[in-house]
Amino acid sequence: MTTDRWKDLCEAIMREPDPRKLMELVEKLNQTLEERENELKAKRGERRSCSSPA
């Protein structure tokens, strides 16, 4: 995922006058943020397992 994707979606949301398209953009933003959150959690879990004593 591109780290700036959420920023692009936020800008599109601010400019979108059509309520249906606006809702689609908001849903895409939510999905993008959830994916990013999952990526960060996975990385954090990898770091913990790497730093754990064997």
Protein backbone atom coordinates (compact mmCIF):
# COMPACT_ATOMS: atom_id res chain seq x y z
CA MET A 1 0.00 0.00 0.00
CA THR A 2 1.20 3.47 -0.74
CA THR A 3 1.66 5.38 2.49
CA ASP A 4 0.12 8.50 0.96
CA ARG A 5 -3.01 6.70 -0.32
CA TRP A 6 -5.02 7.74 2.72
CA LYS A 7 -4.02 11.38 2.18
CA ASP A 8 -5.19 11.23 -1.43
CA LEU A 9 -8.50 9.75 -0.32
CA CYS A 10 -8.97 12.47 2.30
CA GLU A 11 -8.42 15.15 -0.30
CA ALA A 12 -10.90 13.48 -2.66
CA ILE A 13 -13.44 13.25 0.18
CA MET A 14 -13.16 16.98 0.85
CA ARG A 15 -13.82 17.78 -2.81
CA GLU A 16 -16.60 15.27 -3.55
CA PRO A 17 -20.07 16.85 -3.83
CA ASP A 18 -21.96 13.64 -4.71
CA PRO A 19 -23.18 11.84 -1.54
CA ARG A 20 -22.95 8.37 -3.09
CA LYS A 21 -19.43 8.89 -4.36
CA LEU A 22 -18.53 10.45 -1.03
CA MET A 23 -19.69 7.33 0.79
CA GLU A 24 -17.64 5.13 -1.55
CA LEU A 25 -14.56 7.23 -0.86
CA VAL A 26 -15.11 7.05 2.89
CA GLU A 27 -15.43 3.27 2.68
CA LYS A 28 -12.19 3.11 0.68
CA LEU A 29 -10.48 5.29 3.27
CA ASN A 30 -11.66 3.03 6.10
CA GLN A 31 -10.42 -0.05 4.26
CA THR A 32 -7.07 1.60 3.52
CA LEU A 33 -6.59 2.60 7.17
CA GLU A 34 -7.54 -0.87 8.39
CA GLU A 35 -5.03 -2.45 6.00
CA ARG A 36 -2.33 -0.07 7.22
CA GLU A 37 -3.16 -0.83 10.83
CA ASN A 38 -2.89 -4.57 10.14
CA GLU A 39 0.47 -4.07 8.41
CA LEU A 40 1.81 -2.15 11.40
CA LYS A 41 0.53 -4.76 13.86
CA ALA A 42 2.17 -7.52 11.84
CA LYS A 43 5.49 -5.66 11.78
CA ARG A 44 5.28 -5.06 15.51
CA GLY A 45 4.65 -8.76 16.05
CA GLU A 46 7.64 -9.68 13.89
CA ARG A 47 9.90 -7.37 15.89
CA ARG A 48 8.73 -8.89 19.15
CA SER A 49 9.41 -12.43 17.94
CA CYS A 50 12.85 -11.41 16.64
CA SER A 51 13.83 -9.74 19.90
CA SER A 52 12.55 -12.54 22.13
CA PRO A 53 15.21 -14.71 23.73
CA ALA A 54 15.44 -18.11 22.09
